[in-house]
Every structure is written in C-alpha cells, then in structure tokens.
Amino acid sequence: MSYNPIELMACVASRLLRDARSVFVGTGLPMVAAVLAQRLHAPDLLIVFEAGGIGPQVPTVPISVGDSRTFHRAVMATSMDYVMSIAQLGFVEYGFLGAAQIDPYGNLNTTVIGPHERPRVRLPGSGGANDVGSLCWRTIILMRHERRRFVESLDFLTTPGYLTGPGARERVGLPADTGPYRVITQLAVLGFDEETKRMKLLSLHPGVSMEEVMENTGFELIIPEEVSTTQPPTEEELRLLRGEIDPAGIVIGRAS
C-alpha cells in the first residue's frame, strides 16, 4: 500500500511508545501517533494532553488539545498547570515536541528566526515545550528535515536538549537521565550518542539516500557503521490511521 511521509512519521513515532507508560501529547501528529499506539500495541498507554485531559480513550483525532475528545472516557479532566506539575514530579515518560530549528545536541528553537531584538520571523514561542523538554524522561521530536532547520547554532534557545553536551543538563539543575530520545523527520530517524550527546543517524526511510540526509543537515551527523531502513507502515497501521483515527485526513492528509 502507498503512504505519505506524514503517515510514515506517525507510524514510526507510534512504535516508540511502550505499553503502561505515559506520554505528553500536543496538537497534530503527536495525537495521531499516541492514539495509534494505544489502538495497536500499547492499550494501557496513558495519554496526557496539555489542556488537562489525562488517560482518555480518544475516538478520532481532536483538532486541538482543548477539544472535548481529549477528555473522552478520561481518568481525569484537569488543568494545564496540573499536567505540567505531574511532569515536574517525574510521572511522564515520553513527551512530543516540534521545532523550527534543532542543533546537534537536540536543543530547540520555536521563538524567533534572526536576532531576538529584530527577528526576521517571530514564532509562537515555547507554550509548554520548555516544560516538556526539561521534565519528561524521553522527548521525541517531529519536524521537517531541512538544512535551514538542522543548524549548528540556534537563533534562540527555547527548549533544552543536551545543551552543550554530557552533563550540561544536570549542571543547570535539570533532572538526570532526561533529554532528547529520537528525532523523526520525513527522511530519517535520528538519535543521540551516549558519550557525546550529539545527534546520530539511526535509520533511513525507504527510498531516501544518505546523501539526501547529509544535504539537508547543517551540521556533522554521527554516522554509525550500520544504518538500517525504516520499516514502512503496515496495512493495519494504515487502516487504523485512515479509517478510524483520522478519517477526514486533518493531520495525515491523503496517501500519495
């Protein structure tokens, strides 16, 4: 079956989420990935929405984190400050993030492009992103893979990744053993080296070359000796995505 890049990214992100864990979810693709995981392999995944829905059984993809569907059959209907506080207490394993820029250590910019005082583009800002990146155990970043986005140095640091490298998060008071886990793009899946904390390539999506990834990355990636190929979406994953989770194509669009 044919599929589009958004569907592939949703499936890859979904597979990272383990059962009986918790995940902090924002609007869009993270919603789709979390619900897909809950339907397929992680029935006891606890979904935490930024607006306060905790543990819902989402019927179809909501249009925002405040949509009534984010509270459907939920364990709790609470508030944004409450869900941020449970992350601060260490109760949220996974957190999804997006970004306009990312650097080799997984630091993110969603604030400005250009100088902060006179930016060329003013972006939405942090929202809950800094809280998620600071406090969740493993953050999963979903974004387009382009040279202008994968940069050596951010125009503005909105959300901490591994900051300047090993030990930097701990030195500024962030919880130990937290930080970026995976970066999923339309081209590849990337992770972070245990020793240096720099980004490394893990797998190439079907039909994507190593040269294409390098051309779209503005810094030197760590390339391991073996780079796998990402497993494409299964028929069951696509059936759920298109027929049950996002039948209107609000997030995933239509298969190419």
Protein backbone atom coordinates (compact mmCIF):
# COMPACT_ATOMS: atom_id res chain seq x y z
CA MET A 1 0.00 0.00 0.00
CA SER A 2 1.19 3.52 -0.77
CA TYR A 3 1.60 6.02 2.05
CA ASN A 4 2.68 9.60 2.50
CA PRO A 5 5.53 10.96 4.68
CA ILE A 6 3.17 12.08 7.47
CA GLU A 7 1.71 8.59 7.75
CA LEU A 8 5.20 7.11 7.92
CA MET A 9 6.25 9.58 10.63
CA ALA A 10 3.10 8.79 12.64
CA CYS A 11 3.79 5.06 12.48
CA VAL A 12 7.46 5.43 13.44
CA ALA A 13 6.58 7.67 16.40
CA SER A 14 3.82 5.31 17.49
CA ARG A 15 6.17 2.33 17.62
CA LEU A 16 8.44 4.12 20.10
CA LEU A 17 5.70 4.33 22.73
CA ARG A 18 5.68 1.39 25.12
CA ASP A 19 2.68 -0.02 26.95
CA ALA A 20 1.91 1.01 30.54
CA ARG A 21 3.86 4.26 30.08
CA SER A 22 2.73 7.89 29.95
CA VAL A 23 3.10 10.36 27.09
CA PHE A 24 2.62 14.14 26.98
CA VAL A 25 0.80 14.98 23.74
CA GLY A 26 0.30 18.23 21.86
CA THR A 27 -1.78 19.11 18.82
CA GLY A 28 -1.41 17.36 15.45
CA LEU A 29 0.88 14.48 14.61
CA PRO A 30 1.67 13.55 18.26
CA MET A 31 -2.05 12.93 18.83
CA VAL A 32 -2.22 10.58 15.87
CA ALA A 33 0.90 8.69 16.94
CA ALA A 34 -0.27 8.26 20.54
CA VAL A 35 -3.75 7.07 19.61
CA LEU A 36 -2.31 4.65 17.04
CA ALA A 37 -0.03 3.17 19.72
CA GLN A 38 -2.98 2.84 22.10
CA ARG A 39 -5.05 1.03 19.45
CA LEU A 40 -2.30 -1.35 18.32
CA HIS A 41 0.39 -2.32 20.80
CA ALA A 42 0.06 -0.14 23.91
CA PRO A 43 -3.53 -0.41 25.20
CA ASP A 44 -2.52 0.84 28.63
CA LEU A 45 -0.60 3.86 27.34
CA LEU A 46 -1.59 6.87 29.47
CA ILE A 47 -2.10 9.85 27.18
CA VAL A 48 -1.69 13.25 28.85
CA PHE A 49 -3.00 16.26 26.94
CA GLU A 50 -1.61 19.73 27.57
CA ALA A 51 -5.04 21.21 28.29
CA GLY A 52 -5.75 18.74 31.09
CA GLY A 53 -7.18 15.51 29.71
CA ILE A 54 -5.46 12.53 31.36
CA GLY A 55 -5.92 8.94 30.23
CA PRO A 56 -8.63 9.40 27.57
CA GLN A 57 -9.74 6.83 25.01
CA VAL A 58 -9.69 9.18 22.02
CA PRO A 59 -12.35 8.25 19.41
CA THR A 60 -10.96 10.27 16.47
CA VAL A 61 -8.16 12.82 16.19
CA PRO A 62 -9.02 16.07 18.04
CA ILE A 63 -8.42 19.40 16.35
CA SER A 64 -6.59 20.76 19.40
CA VAL A 65 -5.52 19.82 22.93
CA GLY A 66 -8.64 21.57 24.24
CA ASP A 67 -11.07 19.59 22.04
CA SER A 68 -13.71 17.67 24.03
CA ARG A 69 -12.41 14.42 22.51
CA THR A 70 -9.22 14.78 24.56
CA PHE A 71 -11.41 14.12 27.65
CA HIS A 72 -13.41 11.19 26.20
CA ARG A 73 -13.58 8.43 28.86
CA ALA A 74 -10.59 10.05 30.58
CA VAL A 75 -9.26 9.18 34.01
CA MET A 76 -9.16 12.88 34.86
CA ALA A 77 -10.31 16.19 33.38
CA THR A 78 -7.93 18.64 34.98
CA SER A 79 -5.88 21.72 34.02
CA MET A 80 -2.71 22.73 32.23
CA ASP A 81 -0.87 23.57 35.45
CA TYR A 82 -1.78 20.14 36.85
CA VAL A 83 -0.38 18.21 33.89
CA MET A 84 2.80 20.31 33.99
CA SER A 85 3.15 19.54 37.67
CA ILE A 86 2.95 15.79 37.13
CA ALA A 87 5.76 16.12 34.58
CA GLN A 88 7.76 18.04 37.19
CA LEU A 89 7.15 15.17 39.63
CA GLY A 90 8.66 12.76 37.09
CA PHE A 91 5.47 10.92 36.16
CA VAL A 92 5.61 11.46 32.37
CA GLU A 93 7.94 9.19 30.40
CA TYR A 94 7.54 10.49 26.85
CA GLY A 95 6.96 13.99 25.50
CA PHE A 96 6.40 15.04 21.90
CA LEU A 97 7.92 18.26 20.55
CA GLY A 98 8.20 20.12 17.26
CA ALA A 99 10.61 22.90 16.30
CA ALA A 100 11.64 25.45 13.71
CA GLN A 101 15.33 24.77 14.44
CA ILE A 102 17.29 21.98 16.09
CA ASP A 103 21.03 21.81 16.79
CA PRO A 104 23.41 18.81 17.15
CA TYR A 105 22.55 18.40 20.85
CA GLY A 106 18.78 18.42 20.35
CA ASN A 107 18.25 21.97 21.60
CA LEU A 108 15.16 23.53 20.01
CA ASN A 109 14.07 26.95 18.80
CA THR A 110 10.40 27.87 18.48
CA THR A 111 10.78 31.58 19.33
CA VAL A 112 12.44 33.66 16.58
CA ILE A 113 14.42 33.37 13.35
CA GLY A 114 17.14 36.02 13.35
CA PRO A 115 18.21 38.25 16.25
CA HIS A 116 15.75 38.28 19.14
CA GLU A 117 15.67 42.08 19.21
CA ARG A 118 14.90 42.39 15.47
CA PRO A 119 13.78 38.96 14.22
CA ARG A 120 13.09 38.16 10.60
CA VAL A 121 10.32 35.80 11.76
CA ARG A 122 8.57 35.69 15.12
CA LEU A 123 7.40 32.18 16.02
CA PRO A 124 4.75 31.01 18.54
CA GLY A 125 7.25 30.65 21.40
CA SER A 126 7.52 27.92 23.97
CA GLY A 127 3.98 27.13 25.04
CA GLY A 128 4.59 24.00 27.07
CA ALA A 129 7.63 22.95 25.07
CA ASN A 130 10.23 24.04 27.59
CA ASP A 131 8.42 22.16 30.35
CA VAL A 132 8.20 19.02 28.22
CA GLY A 133 11.83 19.17 27.11
CA SER A 134 13.02 19.91 30.63
CA LEU A 135 10.96 17.44 32.63
CA CYS A 136 9.82 14.43 30.57
CA TRP A 137 12.16 11.46 30.61
CA ARG A 138 12.37 10.99 26.85
CA THR A 139 11.41 13.61 24.28
CA ILE A 140 10.53 12.69 20.72
CA ILE A 141 10.92 15.48 18.18
CA LEU A 142 8.84 15.54 15.00
CA MET A 143 9.92 18.02 12.33
CA ARG A 144 10.83 18.55 8.69
CA HIS A 145 14.40 17.68 7.74
CA GLU A 146 15.86 20.76 6.03
CA ARG A 147 19.27 22.43 6.22
CA ARG A 148 17.73 25.69 7.45
CA ARG A 149 16.13 23.79 10.36
CA PHE A 150 19.01 21.43 11.27
CA VAL A 151 21.57 24.07 12.24
CA GLU A 152 24.92 24.19 14.01
CA SER A 153 23.78 27.07 16.23
CA LEU A 154 20.21 28.11 17.12
CA ASP A 155 18.97 31.66 16.64
CA PHE A 156 17.28 31.30 20.04
CA LEU A 157 17.23 28.53 22.65
CA THR A 158 13.60 27.84 23.56
CA THR A 159 13.78 24.26 24.82
CA PRO A 160 16.86 22.49 26.20
CA GLY A 161 18.15 19.31 24.65
CA TYR A 162 21.55 18.21 25.89
CA LEU A 163 22.62 21.90 25.90
CA THR A 164 26.42 21.84 25.32
CA GLY A 165 26.96 18.11 25.79
CA PRO A 166 27.47 15.48 28.50
CA GLY A 167 26.49 16.63 32.00
CA ALA A 168 25.21 20.03 30.88
CA ARG A 169 21.57 19.37 31.74
CA GLU A 170 22.47 18.24 35.24
CA ARG A 171 24.72 21.27 35.81
CA VAL A 172 21.83 23.67 35.23
CA GLY A 173 19.53 21.71 37.54
CA LEU A 174 17.51 19.60 35.11
CA PRO A 175 16.66 16.02 36.14
CA ALA A 176 19.37 13.46 35.42
CA ASP A 177 18.73 10.90 32.68
CA THR A 178 16.21 13.09 30.87
CA GLY A 179 16.57 14.61 27.41
CA PRO A 180 16.02 14.08 23.69
CA TYR A 181 15.42 10.49 22.64
CA ARG A 182 14.53 10.44 18.95
CA VAL A 183 14.13 12.89 16.06
CA ILE A 184 11.71 11.72 13.38
CA THR A 185 11.63 13.52 10.03
CA GLN A 186 10.31 12.85 6.54
CA LEU A 187 13.77 11.48 5.67
CA ALA A 188 15.09 9.52 8.63
CA VAL A 189 15.08 8.54 12.30
CA LEU A 190 17.85 10.03 14.42
CA GLY A 191 19.02 9.51 17.99
CA PHE A 192 21.80 10.78 20.24
CA ASP A 193 25.21 9.32 21.01
CA GLU A 194 25.50 8.14 24.61
CA GLU A 195 29.01 9.56 25.12
CA THR A 196 28.97 12.86 23.22
CA LYS A 197 25.19 13.54 23.25
CA ARG A 198 25.42 14.61 19.60
CA MET A 199 22.83 13.59 17.06
CA LYS A 200 23.38 10.39 15.11
CA LEU A 201 21.60 8.72 12.22
CA LEU A 202 19.70 5.55 13.10
CA SER A 203 17.66 4.68 10.02
CA LEU A 204 16.85 5.97 6.55
CA HIS A 205 13.27 5.94 5.34
CA PRO A 206 12.54 3.77 2.28
CA GLY A 207 13.85 5.42 -0.90
CA VAL A 208 15.94 8.03 0.95
CA SER A 209 19.70 8.13 0.39
CA MET A 210 22.44 9.01 2.85
CA GLU A 211 23.40 11.91 0.57
CA GLU A 212 19.90 13.36 0.79
CA VAL A 213 20.05 13.36 4.59
CA MET A 214 23.51 14.96 4.64
CA GLU A 215 22.47 17.65 2.16
CA ASN A 216 19.57 18.60 4.40
CA THR A 217 21.59 18.71 7.64
CA GLY A 218 23.54 21.87 8.53
CA PHE A 219 25.96 20.13 10.89
CA GLU A 220 28.01 16.94 11.03
CA LEU A 221 25.92 13.93 11.94
CA ILE A 222 27.36 10.87 13.61
CA ILE A 223 27.03 8.04 11.11
CA PRO A 224 27.31 4.54 12.64
CA GLU A 225 28.76 1.64 10.67
CA GLU A 226 25.31 0.15 10.19
CA VAL A 227 22.29 2.26 9.29
CA SER A 228 19.02 0.41 8.96
CA THR A 229 16.00 1.12 6.76
CA THR A 230 12.83 2.29 8.49
CA GLN A 231 10.00 -0.23 8.40
CA PRO A 232 7.19 1.21 6.28
CA PRO A 233 3.62 1.41 7.59
CA THR A 234 1.78 -1.89 7.77
CA GLU A 235 -1.67 -2.40 6.26
CA GLU A 236 -3.15 -2.49 9.76
CA GLU A 237 -1.49 0.79 10.74
CA LEU A 238 -2.78 2.49 7.60
CA ARG A 239 -6.26 1.04 8.06
CA LEU A 240 -6.46 2.49 11.57
CA LEU A 241 -4.97 5.84 10.57
CA ARG A 242 -7.27 6.38 7.60
CA GLY A 243 -10.40 4.58 8.69
CA GLU A 244 -10.65 5.25 12.43
CA ILE A 245 -8.15 7.76 13.84
CA ASP A 246 -8.07 10.47 11.16
CA PRO A 247 -10.71 9.58 8.56
CA ALA A 248 -11.05 13.22 7.47
CA GLY A 249 -7.30 13.48 6.81
CA ILE A 250 -6.98 16.50 9.14
CA VAL A 251 -3.41 15.56 10.14
CA ILE A 252 -2.27 12.76 7.86
CA GLY A 253 -3.73 14.12 4.63
CA ARG A 254 -4.17 11.62 1.84
CA ALA A 255 -1.89 8.85 0.66
CA SER A 256 0.19 9.76 -2.37
